[in-house]
Amino acid sequence: MTSERHNILVGLVGIVAIMVIGSLPDGARADGSPGKNDKKLADAAEQSARAARAFDAIMQAPDKAIPRELLSRAKAVAVFPRVVKVALTFGGEGGRGVVSRHTGDDWSSPVFLRGGGASWGAQIGASSTDYFFLLMNDESVEGLMKDKFELGGEASVAAGPVGRNAGGGTDALMHAAVLSYSRTRGVFAGANLKGVVVRPEDDLNTAVYSHTARELLSASGPEESASEALQTFPDALRRYAHQ
């Protein structure tokens, strides 16, 4: 074999090898280096941790806390920490969140969501807000299984009562599918929850659980990942729901 042919053959083998290595599933590189799924798991764990920190912060303020009786009755709890909102007459907001189902006496591993929307009216400023949603019936949980779920449109949303003395039999509890709470850093006027659209973050859900939000949130859904790294948010719910 001539030197020129030998070099061509070596080059072709190298190209094929690169294509094969590039087609390996993320996280399955031959050299054992971290793959995309490892990064997704770290991202998911951080989302769970941020939601847990936000939930701890609101629950540790007695005059602003979500009543534990309502928390214990909720079918699911969703938290969107650090939702950034900017407005000058016309406003927009967006953020990532998690939701955990109430399963008997426990809470499921977090399912990952995205939220965003627009608002109009007398408003100016910017803020970073933690949003908390108690989903009070099965229909509101089923809404999160859709490709797009509008709060205040498809599901009635009411400002939830706060504090230790808030009664469990309030009109908000009796009639609203979703009870909402917020904790804001910064200054903002004229905030409006209507029109906020929630979507599953299924690229993350499938990377972590190999299932979509629809599958994970269904009543007969599959078992989720047992990764301890994801349990920070459901652990926070367990601290407050049954005390």
Protein backbone atom coordinates (compact mmCIF):
# COMPACT_ATOMS: atom_id res chain seq x y z
CA MET A 1 0.00 0.00 0.00
CA THR A 2 1.43 3.38 -0.95
CA SER A 3 2.08 6.05 1.66
CA GLU A 4 -0.64 8.25 0.14
CA ARG A 5 -3.28 5.49 0.31
CA HIS A 6 -2.22 4.67 3.85
CA ASN A 7 -2.72 8.29 4.92
CA ILE A 8 -6.16 8.41 3.27
CA LEU A 9 -7.20 5.19 5.02
CA VAL A 10 -6.00 6.47 8.39
CA GLY A 11 -7.90 9.69 7.82
CA LEU A 12 -11.14 7.86 6.99
CA VAL A 13 -10.81 5.66 10.07
CA GLY A 14 -10.34 8.76 12.18
CA ILE A 15 -13.45 10.43 10.75
CA VAL A 16 -15.55 7.31 11.36
CA ALA A 17 -14.25 7.07 14.92
CA ILE A 18 -15.20 10.71 15.58
CA MET A 19 -18.70 10.13 14.18
CA VAL A 20 -19.20 7.02 16.34
CA ILE A 21 -18.01 8.74 19.50
CA GLY A 22 -20.19 11.76 18.73
CA SER A 23 -23.25 9.55 18.37
CA LEU A 24 -22.86 7.93 21.78
CA PRO A 25 -25.64 8.89 24.23
CA ASP A 26 -24.76 11.81 26.48
CA GLY A 27 -23.26 10.56 29.69
CA ALA A 28 -21.94 7.43 27.93
CA ARG A 29 -18.62 8.67 26.55
CA ALA A 30 -15.89 6.07 26.33
CA ASP A 31 -13.56 8.15 28.47
CA GLY A 32 -16.12 8.36 31.30
CA SER A 33 -16.28 12.16 31.11
CA PRO A 34 -19.49 13.88 32.28
CA GLY A 35 -22.16 13.98 29.57
CA LYS A 36 -25.17 16.12 28.91
CA ASN A 37 -27.43 14.04 31.17
CA ASP A 38 -25.09 14.65 34.11
CA LYS A 39 -25.43 18.37 33.48
CA LYS A 40 -29.20 18.02 33.22
CA LEU A 41 -29.33 16.22 36.56
CA ALA A 42 -27.24 18.97 38.16
CA ASP A 43 -29.56 21.59 36.64
CA ALA A 44 -32.62 19.72 37.93
CA ALA A 45 -31.13 19.42 41.41
CA GLU A 46 -30.41 23.15 41.48
CA GLN A 47 -33.98 23.96 40.42
CA SER A 48 -35.30 21.77 43.23
CA ALA A 49 -32.96 23.46 45.71
CA ARG A 50 -33.96 26.98 44.62
CA ALA A 51 -37.64 26.13 44.98
CA ALA A 52 -36.97 24.68 48.45
CA ARG A 53 -35.13 27.80 49.58
CA ALA A 54 -37.96 30.03 48.35
CA PHE A 55 -40.55 27.86 50.07
CA ASP A 56 -38.62 27.86 53.34
CA ALA A 57 -38.38 31.65 53.19
CA ILE A 58 -42.14 32.23 52.85
CA MET A 59 -43.05 29.57 55.42
CA GLN A 60 -40.70 31.05 58.03
CA ALA A 61 -42.55 34.39 58.00
CA PRO A 62 -45.60 33.67 60.24
CA ASP A 63 -47.62 36.69 59.08
CA LYS A 64 -47.06 35.84 55.40
CA ALA A 65 -46.86 32.06 55.48
CA ILE A 66 -49.12 29.73 53.55
CA PRO A 67 -51.54 28.15 56.06
CA ARG A 68 -50.41 24.59 56.72
CA GLU A 69 -53.99 23.35 56.67
CA LEU A 70 -54.32 24.48 53.05
CA LEU A 71 -50.94 23.04 52.18
CA SER A 72 -52.02 19.67 53.53
CA ARG A 73 -55.20 19.78 51.41
CA ALA A 74 -53.48 20.74 48.16
CA LYS A 75 -53.30 18.16 45.36
CA ALA A 76 -49.95 19.60 44.27
CA VAL A 77 -47.68 22.57 44.96
CA ALA A 78 -45.76 24.49 42.29
CA VAL A 79 -43.00 27.01 42.97
CA PHE A 80 -41.40 29.38 40.46
CA PRO A 81 -38.45 31.04 42.19
CA ARG A 82 -36.82 34.18 40.86
CA VAL A 83 -39.29 34.97 38.11
CA VAL A 84 -37.92 38.13 36.48
CA LYS A 85 -40.46 40.72 35.41
CA VAL A 86 -39.74 43.98 33.59
CA ALA A 87 -42.35 46.54 32.55
CA LEU A 88 -42.94 49.99 31.18
CA THR A 89 -46.72 50.04 30.50
CA PHE A 90 -46.24 46.73 28.63
CA GLY A 91 -44.64 44.03 30.72
CA GLY A 92 -43.26 40.55 30.40
CA GLU A 93 -42.10 37.87 32.77
CA GLY A 94 -40.57 34.43 32.64
CA GLY A 95 -39.01 31.78 34.81
CA ARG A 96 -38.56 28.10 35.58
CA GLY A 97 -40.28 26.13 38.30
CA VAL A 98 -41.10 22.78 39.83
CA VAL A 99 -44.28 21.02 40.93
CA SER A 100 -44.67 18.15 43.37
CA ARG A 101 -47.83 16.03 43.67
CA HIS A 102 -49.40 15.19 47.01
CA THR A 103 -49.41 11.39 47.04
CA GLY A 104 -51.16 10.08 50.13
CA ASP A 105 -49.04 11.24 53.06
CA ASP A 106 -46.02 12.10 50.93
CA TRP A 107 -44.86 14.36 48.09
CA SER A 108 -43.52 13.23 44.74
CA SER A 109 -40.18 14.08 43.20
CA PRO A 110 -40.30 17.45 41.39
CA VAL A 111 -41.57 17.76 37.84
CA PHE A 112 -40.03 20.65 35.92
CA LEU A 113 -41.97 23.53 34.35
CA ARG A 114 -41.53 26.83 32.57
CA GLY A 115 -43.75 29.86 33.02
CA GLY A 116 -44.16 33.20 31.29
CA GLY A 117 -46.61 35.80 30.18
CA ALA A 118 -47.35 39.41 29.41
CA SER A 119 -49.34 42.13 31.16
CA TRP A 120 -50.64 45.59 30.40
CA GLY A 121 -51.69 48.55 32.50
CA ALA A 122 -50.25 51.16 34.83
CA GLN A 123 -46.95 49.52 35.65
CA ILE A 124 -43.31 50.44 35.67
CA GLY A 125 -40.22 48.84 37.14
CA ALA A 126 -38.49 45.51 37.46
CA SER A 127 -38.62 42.77 40.04
CA SER A 128 -37.59 39.26 40.92
CA THR A 129 -40.50 37.38 42.42
CA ASP A 130 -41.02 33.94 43.91
CA TYR A 131 -44.45 32.54 42.95
CA PHE A 132 -46.20 29.76 44.83
CA PHE A 133 -49.28 27.91 43.60
CA LEU A 134 -51.44 25.46 45.53
CA LEU A 135 -53.35 23.31 43.08
CA MET A 136 -56.50 22.44 44.97
CA ASN A 137 -58.25 19.97 42.66
CA ASP A 138 -57.44 17.20 40.20
CA GLU A 139 -58.43 19.34 37.20
CA SER A 140 -55.77 21.94 37.97
CA VAL A 141 -53.11 19.23 38.21
CA GLU A 142 -54.29 17.77 34.92
CA GLY A 143 -53.86 21.22 33.37
CA LEU A 144 -50.12 20.99 33.96
CA MET A 145 -50.02 17.88 31.76
CA LYS A 146 -50.98 19.98 28.73
CA ASP A 147 -48.53 21.59 26.35
CA LYS A 148 -49.81 24.98 27.52
CA PHE A 149 -51.84 25.82 30.62
CA GLU A 150 -53.01 29.37 31.29
CA LEU A 151 -53.49 30.44 34.88
CA GLY A 152 -56.53 32.60 35.30
CA GLY A 153 -57.88 31.35 32.00
CA GLU A 154 -58.37 27.60 32.08
CA ALA A 155 -58.14 27.50 35.88
CA SER A 156 -59.59 30.02 38.33
CA VAL A 157 -56.86 31.61 40.44
CA ALA A 158 -57.36 33.41 43.75
CA ALA A 159 -54.95 35.12 46.08
CA GLY A 160 -54.46 32.64 48.88
CA PRO A 161 -55.06 33.54 52.51
CA VAL A 162 -51.95 33.93 54.66
CA GLY A 163 -50.96 33.57 58.27
CA ARG A 164 -51.64 31.06 61.00
CA ASN A 165 -55.19 32.24 61.58
CA ALA A 166 -56.40 32.05 57.96
CA GLY A 167 -59.44 29.82 57.91
CA GLY A 168 -59.50 26.68 55.81
CA GLY A 169 -63.14 27.25 54.80
CA THR A 170 -62.59 30.54 52.99
CA ASP A 171 -64.22 31.38 49.67
CA ALA A 172 -60.79 31.14 48.04
CA LEU A 173 -60.50 27.52 49.09
CA MET A 174 -64.08 26.66 48.18
CA HIS A 175 -64.11 28.10 44.66
CA ALA A 176 -60.58 28.53 43.29
CA ALA A 177 -58.75 25.76 41.47
CA VAL A 178 -55.43 27.42 42.27
CA LEU A 179 -54.39 29.53 45.26
CA SER A 180 -51.50 31.88 44.54
CA TYR A 181 -48.85 33.48 46.72
CA SER A 182 -45.82 35.62 45.94
CA ARG A 183 -42.70 37.01 47.52
CA THR A 184 -41.09 39.95 45.73
CA ARG A 185 -37.62 41.42 45.80
CA GLY A 186 -37.32 44.81 44.17
CA VAL A 187 -40.04 47.28 43.29
CA PHE A 188 -42.99 46.61 41.00
CA ALA A 189 -46.47 48.07 40.63
CA GLY A 190 -49.51 46.63 38.91
CA ALA A 191 -48.48 42.95 38.88
CA ASN A 192 -51.15 40.71 37.42
CA LEU A 193 -51.12 36.89 37.46
CA LYS A 194 -53.73 36.50 34.74
CA GLY A 195 -52.31 35.38 31.44
CA VAL A 196 -49.36 33.50 32.92
CA VAL A 197 -48.80 30.39 30.80
CA VAL A 198 -47.19 27.27 32.26
CA ARG A 199 -45.55 24.64 30.06
CA PRO A 200 -43.77 21.38 30.90
CA GLU A 201 -39.98 21.52 30.62
CA ASP A 202 -39.92 18.06 29.09
CA ASP A 203 -36.37 18.15 27.78
CA LEU A 204 -35.35 18.20 31.44
CA ASN A 205 -38.06 15.80 32.65
CA THR A 206 -37.14 13.17 30.08
CA ALA A 207 -33.41 13.58 30.72
CA VAL A 208 -33.89 13.05 34.47
CA TYR A 209 -36.80 10.59 34.60
CA SER A 210 -37.13 9.25 31.04
CA HIS A 211 -40.78 10.38 31.24
CA THR A 212 -42.74 13.49 30.30
CA ALA A 213 -44.64 15.74 32.71
CA ARG A 214 -47.90 14.20 31.51
CA GLU A 215 -46.69 10.73 32.49
CA LEU A 216 -45.18 11.86 35.78
CA LEU A 217 -48.22 13.86 36.94
CA SER A 218 -50.86 11.29 36.02
CA ALA A 219 -52.54 9.48 38.90
CA SER A 220 -51.02 6.19 37.79
CA GLY A 221 -47.73 7.73 36.77
CA PRO A 222 -44.42 5.86 36.77
CA GLU A 223 -42.01 5.81 39.66
CA GLU A 224 -39.69 8.80 39.50
CA SER A 225 -35.94 8.88 39.92
CA ALA A 226 -34.79 7.98 43.42
CA SER A 227 -31.92 10.48 43.20
CA GLU A 228 -31.45 12.17 46.55
CA ALA A 229 -30.23 15.27 44.74
CA LEU A 230 -33.79 15.96 43.55
CA GLN A 231 -35.52 15.60 46.92
CA THR A 232 -34.76 19.06 48.33
CA PHE A 233 -38.11 20.53 47.27
CA PRO A 234 -40.38 17.65 48.35
CA ASP A 235 -38.40 17.53 51.61
CA ALA A 236 -39.33 21.18 52.19
CA LEU A 237 -43.01 20.38 51.62
CA ARG A 238 -42.80 17.50 54.10
CA ARG A 239 -41.45 19.87 56.77
CA TYR A 240 -44.56 22.03 56.71
CA ALA A 241 -47.52 20.07 55.39
CA HIS A 242 -48.06 17.72 58.30
CA GLN A 243 -47.10 19.79 61.33
